[in-house]
Protein backbone atom coordinates (compact mmCIF):
# COMPACT_ATOMS: atom_id res chain seq x y z
CA MET A 1 0.00 0.00 0.00
CA SER A 2 1.26 3.47 -0.86
CA ASN A 3 2.13 6.03 1.81
CA TRP A 4 0.78 8.78 -0.44
CA SER A 5 -2.59 10.07 0.72
CA LYS A 6 -4.83 12.06 -1.60
CA GLU A 7 -4.03 15.16 0.44
CA LYS A 8 -0.29 14.62 0.14
CA VAL A 9 -0.54 14.13 -3.63
CA THR A 10 -2.67 17.27 -3.95
CA ASN A 11 -0.13 19.25 -1.92
CA GLU A 12 2.75 18.03 -4.09
CA ILE A 13 0.88 18.94 -7.28
CA GLU A 14 0.21 22.41 -5.89
CA ARG A 15 3.90 22.80 -5.03
CA LEU A 16 4.87 21.75 -8.55
CA GLU A 17 2.34 24.15 -10.10
CA SER A 18 3.68 26.99 -7.97
CA CYS A 19 7.26 26.19 -8.96
CA LEU A 20 6.39 26.08 -12.66
CA GLU A 21 4.40 29.33 -12.42
CA SER A 22 7.51 31.03 -11.08
CA ILE A 23 9.41 30.40 -14.33
CA GLU A 24 9.82 33.83 -15.90
CA ASP A 25 10.52 32.63 -19.45
CA ALA A 26 7.04 32.11 -20.96
CA GLU A 27 8.21 29.55 -23.53
CA ILE A 28 9.99 27.42 -20.93
CA ARG A 29 6.98 27.70 -18.60
CA VAL A 30 4.64 26.38 -21.32
CA LEU A 31 7.00 23.52 -22.18
CA ALA A 32 7.59 22.60 -18.53
CA LYS A 33 3.87 22.60 -17.68
CA ALA A 34 3.13 20.36 -20.65
CA ARG A 35 5.90 17.96 -19.66
CA TYR A 36 5.63 17.86 -15.87
CA LEU A 37 1.98 18.64 -15.15
CA GLU A 38 0.27 17.23 -18.22
CA CYS A 39 2.79 14.37 -18.62
CA LYS A 40 3.05 14.89 -22.37
CA SER A 41 5.86 13.38 -24.38
CA PHE A 42 8.54 15.57 -25.94
CA GLU A 43 7.14 14.60 -29.33
CA VAL A 44 3.60 15.78 -28.51
CA ILE A 45 4.89 18.99 -26.92
CA GLY A 46 7.02 19.64 -29.99
CA GLU A 47 4.09 19.14 -32.34
CA GLU A 48 1.89 21.47 -30.29
CA ASN A 49 4.61 24.14 -30.20
CA HIS A 50 5.92 23.73 -33.75
CA MET A 51 9.35 22.46 -32.80
CA ASP A 52 11.26 19.21 -32.89
CA ARG A 53 11.00 16.95 -29.84
CA ARG A 54 14.78 17.26 -29.35
CA THR A 55 14.45 21.04 -29.22
CA VAL A 56 11.89 20.75 -26.44
CA SER A 57 14.13 18.37 -24.53
CA ARG A 58 17.21 20.55 -24.95
CA LYS A 59 15.43 23.75 -23.94
CA LEU A 60 14.12 22.19 -20.72
CA GLU A 61 17.43 20.51 -19.95
CA LYS A 62 19.34 23.75 -20.50
CA TYR A 63 16.93 25.76 -18.34
CA PHE A 64 16.92 23.35 -15.42
CA ARG A 65 20.67 22.78 -15.58
CA GLN A 66 21.33 26.50 -15.09
CA GLU A 67 18.78 26.93 -12.28
């Protein structure tokens, strides 16, 4: 049985949303929300944002590496 209660999961999601909302770069914020909140693949995110999946991956990796 999992130690994660519904309340704990909800709190973690809210923390993640808050963190992602604090990203100042609008493009990175959109990409990060799609990846980490909506659990979309790099391919789907790329299609939705008119870029290659590798570009999405690299942009997120670069942003989070520097933070």
